[in-house]
Amino acid sequence: MIAPQRILPVELVRQFGKSVASPVPDLAAPALLIARLGYPWLDSNHYLAKLESMGSALADKFTLSDKPNMPNGPIDAINKYLFQEQGFSGNTENYDDPRNSFLNQVLDRRTGIPLTLAVVYIEVARRAGIRVDGVNFPGHFLLRFPFGQEHDPTNAVFVDPFDGGSVLSEADCRALLRRHAGGTMDFDSKLLAPATKQQILTRMLGNLKRVYIGMRAFPQSRAVTDLLLAVDPSSLNELRDRGLLSYHINDYPSALRDLETFLQFSTRNEEGEDDSHEERKEIWTHVKTLRRRMAGLN
């Protein structure tokens, strides 16, 4: 049996892992590597040049005579440039379109989900010399204009890139959490802390994985797990998922390898021990089936 060909070359996955681990505060380059999932022949340089051009255009608006005072002025200027002049907006009509998670398509179509619009916002602002942080807020990615102490949420202004750059107070963020979490999560100011590069790209991949699994696009879903494991090779959950996805697409050798490794390294958690035990039993059943099938192919 010939195993299905992987969508992403091994070297691209390695390149992505190095890009995520790099201390350079660049989200665009690794985001465009993610976009190769849907556009294998994508010319990243074209879109990096587009971001540079947009950053330069934004910087030109901040002349010595009318450069805005921090932090509110840059918000108005960036919002006007991106959402009015460039026409970016949240995709409310087809939120789960996978193109919303591909930076090239967001730049071409001028629409996306909160996270990818935030990446455009951050990268254009950075190129114009303005710092904007991402906020890995539950259910709805946000932006953060810091001033004063870097990690103090009281010294920041929050922006919703999905809503035309609307400025949010902490009370607005609390209401947003209630809307998305349905009262299942208590508000904590730590939820408004700056997101790391790794957190942003992991969330981008998680969104894409959810969409692909919903579409039953299992080869693409497995490719996403390859990238997630490049970010965090120790993630047993992603290793398990990649094994199960390989099983779905009849790549039995890969499935067996990942699921056996999962069983080898996973241990019962003190909390939820029964769930962990049941999961291990189910994975073990898959492993035994895979071993029989592999033996039958030899």
Protein backbone atom coordinates (compact mmCIF):
# COMPACT_ATOMS: atom_id res chain seq x y z
CA MET A 1 0.00 0.00 0.00
CA ILE A 2 1.31 3.45 -0.93
CA ALA A 3 0.78 6.02 1.81
CA PRO A 4 -0.93 9.29 0.81
CA GLN A 5 1.57 11.97 -0.10
CA ARG A 6 1.95 14.68 2.52
CA ILE A 7 0.65 18.09 1.51
CA LEU A 8 3.57 20.03 3.00
CA PRO A 9 7.19 19.15 2.25
CA VAL A 10 9.21 18.14 5.30
CA GLU A 11 11.62 21.01 4.70
CA LEU A 12 8.78 23.56 4.77
CA VAL A 13 7.59 22.17 8.12
CA ARG A 14 11.14 22.52 9.48
CA GLN A 15 11.38 26.04 8.10
CA PHE A 16 8.11 26.92 9.83
CA GLY A 17 9.35 25.60 13.16
CA LYS A 18 12.53 27.68 12.89
CA SER A 19 10.53 30.77 11.94
CA VAL A 20 8.26 30.40 14.97
CA ALA A 21 11.21 29.89 17.31
CA SER A 22 13.10 32.89 15.93
CA PRO A 23 13.27 35.91 18.26
CA VAL A 24 12.51 38.18 15.29
CA PRO A 25 9.01 39.68 15.93
CA ASP A 26 7.71 38.73 12.52
CA LEU A 27 4.32 37.07 12.15
CA ALA A 28 3.94 37.53 8.40
CA ALA A 29 6.65 35.10 7.22
CA PRO A 30 5.44 32.09 9.25
CA ALA A 31 1.80 32.99 8.51
CA LEU A 32 2.58 32.85 4.80
CA LEU A 33 4.18 29.43 5.30
CA ILE A 34 0.86 28.31 6.81
CA ALA A 35 -0.85 29.64 3.69
CA ARG A 36 1.13 27.14 1.63
CA LEU A 37 -1.40 24.58 2.89
CA GLY A 38 -3.90 26.01 0.46
CA TYR A 39 -1.54 27.64 -2.02
CA PRO A 40 1.53 25.43 -2.55
CA TRP A 41 3.17 27.76 -5.08
CA LEU A 42 2.57 30.91 -3.08
CA ASP A 43 5.13 33.69 -3.60
CA SER A 44 5.66 34.94 -0.05
CA ASN A 45 7.89 37.79 -1.20
CA HIS A 46 4.99 39.36 -3.08
CA TYR A 47 2.91 39.60 0.10
CA LEU A 48 5.81 40.66 2.29
CA ALA A 49 6.43 43.48 -0.19
CA LYS A 50 2.75 44.41 0.00
CA LEU A 51 2.97 44.68 3.79
CA GLU A 52 6.11 46.80 3.48
CA SER A 53 4.31 49.11 1.07
CA MET A 54 1.33 49.41 3.40
CA GLY A 55 3.61 50.10 6.36
CA SER A 56 5.39 52.83 4.43
CA ALA A 57 2.08 54.38 3.39
CA LEU A 58 0.93 54.40 7.01
CA ALA A 59 4.22 55.87 8.24
CA ASP A 60 3.89 58.70 5.72
CA LYS A 61 0.71 59.77 7.46
CA PHE A 62 2.61 60.42 10.67
CA THR A 63 4.38 63.64 9.70
CA LEU A 64 6.26 65.75 12.21
CA SER A 65 3.46 68.31 12.21
CA ASP A 66 0.52 66.04 12.84
CA LYS A 67 2.01 62.88 14.37
CA PRO A 68 -0.61 61.73 16.91
CA ASN A 69 0.03 61.40 20.61
CA MET A 70 0.20 57.95 22.13
CA PRO A 71 -1.85 55.87 22.51
CA ASN A 72 -5.14 57.02 20.98
CA GLY A 73 -3.86 58.88 17.94
CA PRO A 74 -2.20 55.90 16.24
CA ILE A 75 -5.36 53.85 16.73
CA ASP A 76 -7.43 56.36 14.80
CA ALA A 77 -4.80 56.69 12.10
CA ILE A 78 -4.30 52.93 11.64
CA ASN A 79 -8.04 52.28 11.74
CA LYS A 80 -8.69 54.90 9.11
CA TYR A 81 -5.95 53.55 6.86
CA LEU A 82 -6.80 49.84 7.15
CA PHE A 83 -10.57 49.84 7.51
CA GLN A 84 -11.60 52.93 5.54
CA GLU A 85 -8.91 53.48 2.93
CA GLN A 86 -7.84 49.86 2.41
CA GLY A 87 -11.29 48.39 3.04
CA PHE A 88 -10.44 45.57 5.47
CA SER A 89 -13.41 44.11 7.32
CA GLY A 90 -14.46 41.05 9.29
CA ASN A 91 -15.91 38.20 7.27
CA THR A 92 -19.32 37.87 8.91
CA GLU A 93 -20.91 36.05 5.96
CA ASN A 94 -18.58 33.05 5.77
CA TYR A 95 -16.60 32.95 8.99
CA ASP A 96 -15.45 29.33 8.56
CA ASP A 97 -14.07 29.78 5.06
CA PRO A 98 -10.48 28.45 5.31
CA ARG A 99 -9.30 31.42 3.24
CA ASN A 100 -9.94 33.56 6.32
CA SER A 101 -6.93 31.87 7.93
CA PHE A 102 -4.55 32.39 5.00
CA LEU A 103 -2.69 35.70 5.17
CA ASN A 104 -2.32 35.96 1.39
CA GLN A 105 -6.07 35.67 0.94
CA VAL A 106 -6.80 38.14 3.72
CA LEU A 107 -4.53 40.66 2.00
CA ASP A 108 -6.07 39.97 -1.42
CA ARG A 109 -9.71 39.83 -0.38
CA ARG A 110 -9.49 42.43 2.43
CA THR A 111 -11.48 40.22 4.81
CA GLY A 112 -10.77 37.64 7.48
CA ILE A 113 -11.35 36.51 11.04
CA PRO A 114 -10.24 38.49 14.13
CA LEU A 115 -6.86 36.74 14.31
CA THR A 116 -5.74 37.21 10.72
CA LEU A 117 -7.00 40.78 10.61
CA ALA A 118 -4.99 41.31 13.79
CA VAL A 119 -1.87 39.93 12.11
CA VAL A 120 -2.30 42.41 9.25
CA TYR A 121 -2.83 45.21 11.78
CA ILE A 122 0.25 44.25 13.83
CA GLU A 123 2.52 43.80 10.83
CA VAL A 124 1.52 47.01 9.08
CA ALA A 125 1.81 48.99 12.32
CA ARG A 126 5.22 47.45 13.08
CA ARG A 127 6.50 48.49 9.67
CA ALA A 128 5.29 52.02 10.41
CA GLY A 129 7.21 52.04 13.70
CA ILE A 130 4.20 51.51 15.98
CA ARG A 131 4.01 48.66 18.46
CA VAL A 132 0.75 46.75 18.68
CA ASP A 133 0.44 43.47 20.61
CA GLY A 134 -1.97 40.63 20.04
CA VAL A 135 -4.23 39.44 22.85
CA ASN A 136 -5.07 35.73 22.93
CA PHE A 137 -8.52 36.47 24.34
CA PRO A 138 -10.89 33.50 24.60
CA GLY A 139 -13.26 33.25 21.66
CA HIS A 140 -12.22 36.51 20.00
CA PHE A 141 -8.67 37.66 19.29
CA LEU A 142 -7.95 41.28 20.22
CA LEU A 143 -5.24 43.92 19.86
CA ARG A 144 -3.44 45.83 22.58
CA PHE A 145 -1.78 49.25 22.41
CA PRO A 146 0.57 49.29 25.42
CA PHE A 147 1.75 52.29 27.40
CA GLY A 148 3.41 52.38 30.77
CA GLN A 149 4.20 48.98 32.28
CA GLU A 150 4.32 46.41 29.49
CA HIS A 151 2.27 43.63 31.14
CA ASP A 152 -0.15 45.80 33.10
CA PRO A 153 -3.55 45.59 31.37
CA THR A 154 -4.65 48.81 33.04
CA ASN A 155 -1.98 50.61 31.01
CA ALA A 156 -3.26 49.59 27.60
CA VAL A 157 -5.98 50.30 25.10
CA PHE A 158 -7.72 47.34 23.47
CA VAL A 159 -8.96 47.16 19.89
CA ASP A 160 -11.25 44.74 18.06
CA PRO A 161 -9.88 44.29 14.50
CA PHE A 162 -13.02 42.37 13.48
CA ASP A 163 -15.21 45.37 14.27
CA GLY A 164 -13.42 48.07 12.30
CA GLY A 165 -10.88 48.71 15.06
CA SER A 166 -13.40 49.63 17.75
CA VAL A 167 -11.75 50.59 21.06
CA LEU A 168 -12.70 48.41 24.03
CA SER A 169 -12.63 49.12 27.75
CA GLU A 170 -12.08 46.38 30.32
CA ALA A 171 -15.86 46.32 30.86
CA ASP A 172 -16.29 45.73 27.11
CA CYS A 173 -13.81 42.85 27.32
CA ARG A 174 -15.74 41.34 30.22
CA ALA A 175 -18.94 41.51 28.15
CA LEU A 176 -17.13 39.97 25.19
CA LEU A 177 -16.01 37.06 27.36
CA ARG A 178 -19.56 36.48 28.60
CA ARG A 179 -20.79 36.47 25.01
CA HIS A 180 -18.23 33.96 23.80
CA ALA A 181 -17.75 31.80 26.91
CA GLY A 182 -21.38 31.81 28.02
CA GLY A 183 -20.51 32.29 31.67
CA THR A 184 -18.25 29.21 31.75
CA MET A 185 -15.10 31.27 32.37
CA ASP A 186 -14.37 33.96 34.94
CA PHE A 187 -12.73 37.16 33.78
CA ASP A 188 -9.10 37.61 34.77
CA SER A 189 -6.91 40.55 33.82
CA LYS A 190 -4.27 38.02 32.70
CA LEU A 191 -6.55 37.26 29.75
CA LEU A 192 -5.56 40.69 28.40
CA ALA A 193 -1.81 40.07 28.53
CA PRO A 194 0.24 40.33 25.31
CA ALA A 195 0.24 37.13 23.28
CA THR A 196 3.52 35.55 22.26
CA LYS A 197 4.43 34.84 18.66
CA GLN A 198 4.07 31.13 19.38
CA GLN A 199 0.61 31.58 20.90
CA ILE A 200 -0.62 33.61 17.91
CA LEU A 201 0.58 31.10 15.31
CA THR A 202 -0.68 28.14 17.34
CA ARG A 203 -4.10 29.74 17.52
CA MET A 204 -4.06 30.40 13.77
CA LEU A 205 -3.31 26.72 13.16
CA GLY A 206 -5.95 25.64 15.68
CA ASN A 207 -8.60 27.67 13.85
CA LEU A 208 -7.58 26.14 10.54
CA LYS A 209 -7.55 22.62 11.97
CA ARG A 210 -11.07 23.05 13.34
CA VAL A 211 -12.32 24.29 9.95
CA TYR A 212 -10.66 21.46 8.01
CA ILE A 213 -11.95 18.78 10.37
CA GLY A 214 -15.44 20.26 10.04
CA MET A 215 -15.04 19.94 6.27
CA ARG A 216 -13.73 16.36 6.71
CA ALA A 217 -10.61 17.49 4.86
CA PHE A 218 -8.42 15.02 6.72
CA PRO A 219 -5.21 15.29 4.63
CA GLN A 220 -5.21 19.04 5.20
CA SER A 221 -6.02 18.54 8.89
CA ARG A 222 -3.03 16.23 9.23
CA ALA A 223 -0.80 18.80 7.55
CA VAL A 224 -1.93 21.35 10.13
CA THR A 225 -0.92 18.96 12.94
CA ASP A 226 2.51 18.64 11.30
CA LEU A 227 2.88 22.41 11.73
CA LEU A 228 1.50 22.36 15.27
CA LEU A 229 4.04 19.71 16.20
CA ALA A 230 6.76 21.84 14.62
CA VAL A 231 5.76 24.57 17.08
CA ASP A 232 5.56 22.18 20.06
CA PRO A 233 7.05 18.72 19.41
CA SER A 234 6.10 17.63 22.94
CA SER A 235 2.35 18.05 22.38
CA LEU A 236 0.88 14.60 22.95
CA ASN A 237 -2.59 15.77 21.99
CA GLU A 238 -1.38 16.81 18.54
CA LEU A 239 0.61 13.59 18.19
CA ARG A 240 -2.56 11.63 19.01
CA ASP A 241 -4.60 13.69 16.56
CA ARG A 242 -2.06 13.26 13.79
CA GLY A 243 -2.15 9.51 14.34
CA LEU A 244 -5.93 9.41 14.17
CA LEU A 245 -5.99 11.62 11.07
CA SER A 246 -3.43 9.35 9.40
CA TYR A 247 -5.73 6.43 10.23
CA HIS A 248 -8.62 8.25 8.55
CA ILE A 249 -6.69 8.61 5.31
CA ASN A 250 -5.37 5.02 5.40
CA ASP A 251 -1.77 5.95 6.09
CA TYR A 252 -1.39 3.03 8.46
CA PRO A 253 2.40 3.17 9.05
CA SER A 254 2.24 6.83 10.10
CA ALA A 255 -0.86 6.24 12.22
CA LEU A 256 0.71 3.29 14.02
CA ARG A 257 3.94 5.17 14.69
CA ASP A 258 2.19 8.21 16.17
CA LEU A 259 -0.35 6.29 18.23
CA GLU A 260 2.25 3.91 19.66
CA THR A 261 4.39 6.91 20.62
CA PHE A 262 1.36 8.57 22.20
CA LEU A 263 0.69 5.50 24.34
CA GLN A 264 4.35 5.26 25.28
CA PHE A 265 4.59 8.79 26.61
CA SER A 266 1.09 9.60 27.82
CA THR A 267 0.30 9.06 31.48
CA ARG A 268 -2.82 9.29 33.53
CA ASN A 269 -3.58 12.68 34.96
CA GLU A 270 -4.64 12.94 38.56
CA GLU A 271 -7.59 15.01 37.39
CA GLY A 272 -9.86 13.29 34.90
CA GLU A 273 -8.11 9.94 35.36
CA ASP A 274 -11.12 8.01 34.10
CA ASP A 275 -11.26 10.01 30.88
CA SER A 276 -7.54 9.49 30.34
CA HIS A 277 -7.90 5.76 30.95
CA GLU A 278 -10.79 5.47 28.51
CA GLU A 279 -8.87 7.43 25.88
CA ARG A 280 -5.85 5.16 26.25
CA LYS A 281 -8.06 2.10 25.91
CA GLU A 282 -9.55 3.49 22.69
CA ILE A 283 -6.13 4.34 21.26
CA TRP A 284 -4.85 0.89 22.21
CA THR A 285 -7.76 -0.64 20.29
CA HIS A 286 -6.76 1.38 17.23
CA VAL A 287 -3.13 0.28 17.62
CA LYS A 288 -4.08 -3.40 17.73
CA THR A 289 -6.24 -2.98 14.62
CA LEU A 290 -3.42 -1.18 12.83
CA ARG A 291 -0.93 -3.87 13.73
CA ARG A 292 -3.23 -6.53 12.28
CA ARG A 293 -3.72 -4.52 9.10
CA MET A 294 0.00 -3.89 8.73
CA ALA A 295 0.70 -7.58 9.22
CA GLY A 296 -1.83 -8.42 6.51
CA LEU A 297 -0.06 -6.11 4.07
CA ASN A 298 3.31 -7.79 4.52
